[in-house]
N, C-alpha and C. Protein backbone atom coordinates (compact mmCIF):
# COMPACT_ATOMS: atom_id res chain seq x y z
N MET A 1 93.65 125.22 93.66
CA MET A 1 93.43 124.89 92.34
C MET A 1 93.08 125.83 91.31
N GLY A 2 92.79 126.93 92.10
CA GLY A 2 92.18 127.98 90.86
C GLY A 2 93.80 128.31 90.06
N VAL A 3 94.90 128.47 90.86
CA VAL A 3 96.11 128.97 90.17
C VAL A 3 96.62 127.75 89.14
N ILE A 4 96.26 126.52 89.74
CA ILE A 4 96.97 125.34 88.78
C ILE A 4 95.98 125.37 87.54
N ARG A 5 94.58 125.49 87.53
CA ARG A 5 93.88 125.40 86.59
C ARG A 5 94.33 126.63 85.69
N LYS A 6 94.58 127.79 85.97
CA LYS A 6 94.93 128.96 85.18
C LYS A 6 96.21 128.73 84.50
N ASP A 7 97.14 128.24 85.03
CA ASP A 7 98.48 127.92 84.68
C ASP A 7 98.39 126.84 83.49
N PHE A 8 97.33 125.70 83.83
CA PHE A 8 97.32 124.78 82.62
C PHE A 8 96.44 125.30 81.44
N LYS A 9 95.68 126.17 81.56
CA LYS A 9 94.90 126.89 80.29
C LYS A 9 96.16 127.73 79.62
N ARG A 10 96.77 128.43 80.25
CA ARG A 10 97.44 129.39 79.85
C ARG A 10 98.91 128.67 79.03
N GLY A 11 99.17 127.34 79.68
CA GLY A 11 100.02 126.47 79.12
C GLY A 11 99.51 125.97 77.90
N LYS A 12 98.58 125.62 77.99
CA LYS A 12 97.87 124.97 76.58
C LYS A 12 97.77 125.87 75.34
N GLU A 13 97.63 127.38 75.67
CA GLU A 13 97.56 128.20 74.78
C GLU A 13 99.03 128.43 74.21
N LEU A 14 100.00 128.55 75.05
CA LEU A 14 101.58 128.63 74.75
C LEU A 14 102.10 127.81 73.94
N VAL A 15 101.60 126.44 74.47
CA VAL A 15 102.16 125.12 73.69
C VAL A 15 101.77 125.38 72.24
N GLY A 16 100.43 125.43 71.89
CA GLY A 16 99.89 125.92 70.54
C GLY A 16 100.98 126.81 69.72
N LYS A 17 101.13 127.93 70.33
CA LYS A 17 102.01 128.87 69.76
C LYS A 17 103.43 128.56 69.72
N GLY A 18 103.89 127.58 70.30
CA GLY A 18 105.09 127.26 70.13
C GLY A 18 105.96 128.21 71.24
N HIS A 19 105.49 128.71 72.23
CA HIS A 19 106.18 129.55 73.37
C HIS A 19 106.57 128.73 74.55
N ILE A 20 106.22 127.72 74.65
CA ILE A 20 106.62 126.85 75.54
C ILE A 20 106.94 125.41 75.07
N SER A 21 107.85 124.81 75.55
CA SER A 21 107.94 123.38 74.91
C SER A 21 106.80 122.31 75.29
N ARG A 22 106.85 121.35 74.79
CA ARG A 22 105.68 120.34 74.89
C ARG A 22 106.21 119.55 76.29
N THR A 23 107.30 119.57 76.75
CA THR A 23 107.79 118.94 77.95
C THR A 23 107.26 119.77 79.26
N ASP A 24 107.38 121.15 79.15
CA ASP A 24 106.98 122.01 79.79
C ASP A 24 105.69 122.12 80.18
N PHE A 25 104.91 121.73 79.00
CA PHE A 25 103.39 121.57 78.94
C PHE A 25 102.98 120.41 79.78
N ASP A 26 103.67 119.30 79.43
CA ASP A 26 103.35 117.88 80.11
C ASP A 26 103.42 117.92 81.44
N LYS A 27 104.30 118.88 82.14
CA LYS A 27 104.77 118.98 83.42
C LYS A 27 103.44 119.74 84.19
N LEU A 28 103.09 120.80 83.39
CA LEU A 28 101.65 121.58 83.88
C LEU A 28 100.40 120.62 84.12
N GLU A 29 100.58 119.63 82.81
CA GLU A 29 99.38 118.59 82.75
C GLU A 29 99.35 117.84 83.93
N ALA A 30 100.55 117.44 84.14
CA ALA A 30 100.73 116.46 84.99
C ALA A 30 100.17 116.86 86.62
N GLU A 31 100.69 118.04 86.91
CA GLU A 31 100.32 119.04 87.93
C GLU A 31 98.89 119.28 88.08
N PHE A 32 98.25 119.66 87.04
CA PHE A 32 96.74 119.67 87.05
C PHE A 32 95.92 118.64 87.21
N THR A 33 96.41 117.39 86.60
CA THR A 33 95.78 115.91 86.85
C THR A 33 96.15 115.53 88.35
N SER A 34 97.23 115.89 88.80
CA SER A 34 97.29 115.60 90.29
C SER A 34 96.48 116.22 91.12
N ALA A 35 96.10 117.51 90.87
CA ALA A 35 95.63 118.26 91.80
C ALA A 35 94.32 118.09 91.81
N ARG A 36 93.53 117.48 90.63
CA ARG A 36 92.39 117.08 90.47
C ARG A 36 91.72 116.04 91.32
N ARG A 37 93.04 115.02 91.27
CA ARG A 37 92.74 113.68 91.73
C ARG A 37 92.86 113.99 93.42
N ALA A 38 93.74 114.97 93.65
CA ALA A 38 93.75 114.98 94.96
C ALA A 38 92.36 115.62 95.87
N GLN A 39 91.47 116.22 95.25
CA GLN A 39 90.20 116.49 95.51
C GLN A 39 89.08 115.42 95.69
N PRO A 40 88.95 114.73 96.79
CA PRO A 40 88.00 113.82 96.65
C PRO A 40 86.66 114.06 96.10
N GLY A 41 86.12 115.28 96.45
CA GLY A 41 84.79 115.96 95.85
C GLY A 41 84.71 116.14 94.33
N GLN A 42 85.81 116.23 93.98
CA GLN A 42 85.82 116.92 92.46
C GLN A 42 86.17 115.64 91.44
N THR A 43 86.37 114.38 91.84
CA THR A 43 86.82 113.32 91.06
C THR A 43 85.57 112.78 90.39
N GLY A 44 84.41 112.66 91.01
CA GLY A 44 83.46 111.92 90.33
C GLY A 44 83.26 110.45 90.96
N PHE A 45 84.18 110.43 91.88
CA PHE A 45 84.21 108.75 92.39
C PHE A 45 83.83 109.00 93.98
N ALA A 46 82.94 108.27 94.42
CA ALA A 46 82.57 108.10 95.91
C ALA A 46 83.63 107.70 96.89
N VAL A 47 83.69 108.53 97.93
CA VAL A 47 84.69 108.12 98.87
C VAL A 47 83.95 107.41 100.02
N HIS A 48 84.66 106.52 100.36
CA HIS A 48 83.97 105.44 101.11
C HIS A 48 85.05 105.11 102.53
N HIS A 49 84.59 105.10 103.59
CA HIS A 49 85.22 104.93 104.60
C HIS A 49 84.72 103.33 105.43
N THR A 50 85.78 102.57 105.56
CA THR A 50 85.30 101.12 106.05
C THR A 50 86.05 100.81 107.24
N GLU A 51 85.90 100.67 107.97
CA GLU A 51 86.34 99.76 109.43
C GLU A 51 86.35 98.17 109.44
N SER A 52 87.48 97.87 110.05
CA SER A 52 87.89 96.45 110.19
C SER A 52 87.18 96.05 111.30
N PRO A 53 86.48 94.88 111.40
CA PRO A 53 85.89 94.21 112.65
C PRO A 53 87.18 93.64 113.71
N PHE A 54 88.25 94.00 113.60
CA PHE A 54 89.21 93.51 114.36
C PHE A 54 89.23 94.75 115.64
């Protein structure tokens, strides 16, 4: 996650300066968001395990 976070922060700076396109930044943002959601402990949502009685 560390590299993805750094890429996102750097992309935020570069898109503001016009060095990368908004489309490229949107891709970085989507990757960053997906990575955050993939880490259950980092999302703020509780992870529950339920078993069926069958």
